[in-house]
Amino acid sequence: MAQVVTFPESISGSAIWDPGPEKLSDDEYWAFCEANRDLHIERTAKGEIVIIPPAGGEWGYRGAEIIGELRNWARRDGRGRTFDSSVQFFLPDGSGLSPDAAWVSNESLQRLTKQERTKYLRLTPEFVIEVLSSTDSLKQAKAKMDQWIANGVELGWLIDGDAETVYVYRKGHRSIARQHIQEVAGEGPVAGFVLDLHPIWAGL
């Protein structure tokens, strides 16, 4: 039976449901996501279910520009694949997170069977991008970036289009805020990728 719930608690625009001491198993959680396809759902390391509100056209445009540039580069480069926010990664700490854009090496993907690739991906992407929307809390977005890095992401960018700022996160380093730059260059796993920020700053 499909499980649909009402979320009474709202924190900075995101609704949170704690299923209690009997946390959902991975398969139960995935079934819950399948039964609520109209919702953007993530899971915390504590097993709480987080419903993320719609972000609007401005965010959608920025996200589309970013995923398009990353996809086009990845095709030319050939070392890995690009994923959008519809894909969820099951991480070592038990959380299930969906970045706005991610890059995963072919080597990492080859560790999964064909069947395992049809659902959630039980791996940590090497590179993620998160795009701050009008419904996001900067503090919580930064905390999510810290969580990505703690779970093994090598490089991450948190992009605040309104403030024209890119927060760069690297494994083993402090995050750095880069303001009013016109492009940002990848390194490590995505060396050679350069994101043109002009359309992101310009917006709709």
Protein backbone atom coordinates (compact mmCIF):
# COMPACT_ATOMS: atom_id res chain seq x y z
CA MET A 1 0.00 0.00 0.00
CA ALA A 2 1.29 3.46 -0.84
CA GLN A 3 2.33 5.41 2.23
CA VAL A 4 1.43 9.09 2.08
CA VAL A 5 1.88 11.25 5.17
CA THR A 6 1.12 14.78 6.31
CA PHE A 7 4.15 16.72 7.51
CA PRO A 8 3.28 18.97 10.47
CA GLU A 9 6.71 20.44 11.14
CA SER A 10 8.33 23.06 8.89
CA ILE A 11 11.91 24.24 9.34
CA SER A 12 13.23 26.93 6.99
CA GLY A 13 10.80 25.81 4.31
CA SER A 14 11.51 22.06 4.54
CA ALA A 15 9.02 19.68 6.15
CA ILE A 16 10.50 16.94 8.34
CA TRP A 17 8.91 13.64 9.34
CA ASP A 18 10.48 11.35 11.93
CA PRO A 19 9.08 7.82 11.47
CA GLY A 20 10.05 7.03 15.07
CA PRO A 21 12.24 4.27 16.52
CA GLU A 22 11.28 1.89 13.69
CA LYS A 23 13.16 3.67 10.94
CA LEU A 24 12.36 2.85 7.34
CA SER A 25 14.67 0.32 5.74
CA ASP A 26 16.33 1.29 2.48
CA ASP A 27 13.71 -0.63 0.49
CA GLU A 28 10.84 0.84 2.54
CA TYR A 29 12.24 4.32 2.07
CA TRP A 30 12.57 3.81 -1.67
CA ALA A 31 8.98 2.51 -1.81
CA PHE A 32 7.90 5.63 0.08
CA CYS A 33 9.66 7.81 -2.50
CA GLU A 34 8.05 5.84 -5.33
CA ALA A 35 4.62 6.37 -3.76
CA ASN A 36 5.21 10.12 -3.49
CA ARG A 37 6.78 10.92 -6.85
CA ASP A 38 5.43 14.47 -6.82
CA LEU A 39 7.60 15.31 -3.80
CA HIS A 40 11.34 16.03 -3.59
CA ILE A 41 12.35 13.72 -0.74
CA GLU A 42 15.64 13.22 1.08
CA ARG A 43 16.64 11.25 4.20
CA THR A 44 18.87 12.40 7.04
CA ALA A 45 21.53 10.22 8.66
CA LYS A 46 19.09 9.85 11.61
CA GLY A 47 16.44 8.37 9.35
CA GLU A 48 14.23 11.47 9.25
CA ILE A 49 12.35 12.12 6.02
CA VAL A 50 12.77 15.63 4.60
CA ILE A 51 10.39 17.12 2.05
CA ILE A 52 11.95 19.98 0.10
CA PRO A 53 9.56 22.60 -1.33
CA PRO A 54 9.47 23.62 -5.01
CA ALA A 55 12.12 26.23 -5.79
CA GLY A 56 10.64 28.21 -8.67
CA GLY A 57 11.64 29.25 -12.17
CA GLU A 58 14.80 31.19 -11.35
CA TRP A 59 16.36 28.23 -9.58
CA GLY A 60 15.17 25.89 -12.32
CA TYR A 61 16.82 28.01 -15.00
CA ARG A 62 20.11 28.25 -13.13
CA GLY A 63 20.11 24.55 -12.40
CA ALA A 64 19.42 23.70 -16.03
CA GLU A 65 22.29 25.88 -17.23
CA ILE A 66 24.67 24.23 -14.79
CA ILE A 67 23.65 20.64 -15.50
CA GLY A 68 23.85 21.36 -19.23
CA GLU A 69 27.41 22.64 -19.03
CA LEU A 70 28.52 19.76 -16.81
CA ARG A 71 26.86 17.17 -19.05
CA ASN A 72 28.40 18.57 -22.21
CA TRP A 73 31.86 18.61 -20.65
CA ALA A 74 31.47 15.08 -19.26
CA ARG A 75 30.53 13.76 -22.69
CA ARG A 76 33.64 15.27 -24.23
CA ASP A 77 35.86 14.19 -21.32
CA GLY A 78 34.62 10.62 -21.16
CA ARG A 79 35.81 9.78 -17.62
CA GLY A 80 32.41 9.85 -15.92
CA ARG A 81 28.68 10.52 -16.03
CA THR A 82 26.47 13.43 -14.97
CA PHE A 83 23.35 13.22 -12.79
CA ASP A 84 20.63 15.73 -11.93
CA SER A 85 18.52 16.27 -8.82
CA SER A 86 16.14 13.41 -9.64
CA VAL A 87 18.84 10.90 -8.64
CA GLN A 88 19.42 10.05 -5.00
CA PHE A 89 22.71 8.84 -3.55
CA PHE A 90 22.70 6.57 -0.49
CA LEU A 91 25.73 7.65 1.53
CA PRO A 92 27.89 5.86 4.14
CA ASP A 93 26.26 7.73 7.05
CA GLY A 94 22.83 6.35 6.12
CA SER A 95 21.48 9.51 4.52
CA GLY A 96 19.92 9.75 1.08
CA LEU A 97 20.73 13.02 -0.67
CA SER A 98 20.09 14.48 -4.12
CA PRO A 99 22.47 17.20 -5.34
CA ASP A 100 21.39 19.63 -8.03
CA ALA A 101 24.18 18.23 -10.21
CA ALA A 102 26.70 15.46 -9.68
CA TRP A 103 29.55 13.79 -11.53
CA VAL A 104 30.45 10.15 -10.91
CA SER A 105 33.49 8.42 -12.38
CA ASN A 106 33.05 5.42 -14.65
CA GLU A 107 35.16 3.46 -12.18
CA SER A 108 32.68 4.10 -9.35
CA LEU A 109 29.69 3.24 -11.51
CA GLN A 110 31.25 -0.02 -12.64
CA ARG A 111 31.21 -1.24 -9.04
CA LEU A 112 27.41 -1.35 -9.22
CA THR A 113 25.44 -4.02 -11.01
CA LYS A 114 23.04 -3.05 -13.79
CA GLN A 115 20.14 -3.73 -11.42
CA GLU A 116 21.67 -1.53 -8.70
CA ARG A 117 21.85 1.36 -11.14
CA THR A 118 18.08 1.32 -11.74
CA LYS A 119 17.21 2.64 -8.26
CA TYR A 120 19.10 4.79 -5.79
CA LEU A 121 22.86 4.82 -6.25
CA ARG A 122 24.68 3.42 -3.25
CA LEU A 123 27.85 5.42 -3.74
CA THR A 124 29.36 8.83 -3.10
CA PRO A 125 29.76 11.07 -6.16
CA GLU A 126 33.21 12.55 -6.61
CA PHE A 127 31.80 16.00 -7.44
CA VAL A 128 28.53 17.74 -6.51
CA ILE A 129 26.93 21.13 -7.14
CA GLU A 130 24.16 22.62 -5.02
CA VAL A 131 22.28 25.74 -6.16
CA LEU A 132 20.78 27.97 -3.48
CA SER A 133 17.11 28.76 -4.12
CA SER A 134 14.75 31.29 -2.55
CA THR A 135 13.35 28.58 -0.28
CA ASP A 136 16.77 27.43 0.95
CA SER A 137 18.51 28.44 4.15
CA LEU A 138 22.17 29.29 3.48
CA LYS A 139 23.10 27.80 6.86
CA GLN A 140 21.39 24.50 6.06
CA ALA A 141 22.81 24.47 2.53
CA LYS A 142 26.31 24.82 3.96
CA ALA A 143 25.59 22.03 6.43
CA LYS A 144 24.53 19.81 3.53
CA MET A 145 27.80 20.60 1.75
CA ASP A 146 29.72 19.64 4.89
CA GLN A 147 27.78 16.37 4.91
CA TRP A 148 28.68 15.66 1.30
CA ILE A 149 32.37 16.18 2.07
CA ALA A 150 32.18 14.07 5.25
CA ASN A 151 30.77 11.22 3.17
CA GLY A 152 33.65 11.28 0.69
CA VAL A 153 32.85 13.89 -1.97
CA GLU A 154 36.16 15.26 -3.24
CA LEU A 155 34.94 18.60 -4.59
CA GLY A 156 31.70 20.51 -4.13
CA TRP A 157 30.33 23.88 -5.16
CA LEU A 158 27.49 25.70 -3.44
CA ILE A 159 26.29 28.41 -5.82
CA ASP A 160 24.35 31.46 -4.61
CA GLY A 161 23.21 33.18 -7.78
CA ASP A 162 21.65 36.20 -6.07
CA ALA A 163 24.86 36.97 -4.15
CA GLU A 164 27.09 36.00 -7.10
CA THR A 165 29.05 33.72 -4.79
CA VAL A 166 30.48 30.23 -5.18
CA TYR A 167 31.41 28.39 -1.98
CA VAL A 168 34.12 25.87 -2.86
CA TYR A 169 34.39 22.75 -0.70
CA ARG A 170 37.36 20.40 -0.95
CA LYS A 171 38.03 17.22 0.95
CA GLY A 172 40.48 18.00 3.77
CA HIS A 173 40.26 21.81 3.37
CA ARG A 174 38.19 24.69 4.69
CA SER A 175 35.50 26.02 2.38
CA ILE A 176 36.30 29.18 0.42
CA ALA A 177 33.81 31.84 -0.74
CA ARG A 178 34.58 33.29 -4.18
CA GLN A 179 32.51 36.35 -5.04
CA HIS A 180 31.70 38.08 -8.35
CA ILE A 181 33.84 35.72 -10.42
CA GLN A 182 32.90 35.01 -14.04
CA GLU A 183 33.86 31.34 -14.11
CA VAL A 184 34.92 28.60 -11.73
CA ALA A 185 37.32 25.81 -12.67
CA GLY A 186 37.07 22.21 -11.60
CA GLU A 187 39.98 20.33 -10.09
CA GLY A 188 40.80 16.85 -8.88
CA PRO A 189 38.21 14.44 -10.33
CA VAL A 190 36.76 17.09 -12.68
CA ALA A 191 39.97 18.83 -13.70
CA GLY A 192 39.34 20.51 -17.04
CA PHE A 193 35.72 21.44 -16.35
CA VAL A 194 35.08 25.20 -16.34
CA LEU A 195 31.63 26.55 -15.44
CA ASP A 196 30.65 29.82 -17.12
CA LEU A 197 28.86 31.83 -14.43
CA HIS A 198 27.56 34.65 -16.66
CA PRO A 199 24.12 33.06 -17.25
CA ILE A 200 23.88 32.06 -13.58
CA TRP A 201 24.49 35.60 -12.35
CA ALA A 202 22.22 37.09 -15.03
CA GLY A 203 19.33 34.76 -14.22
CA LEU A 204 16.01 34.96 -16.05
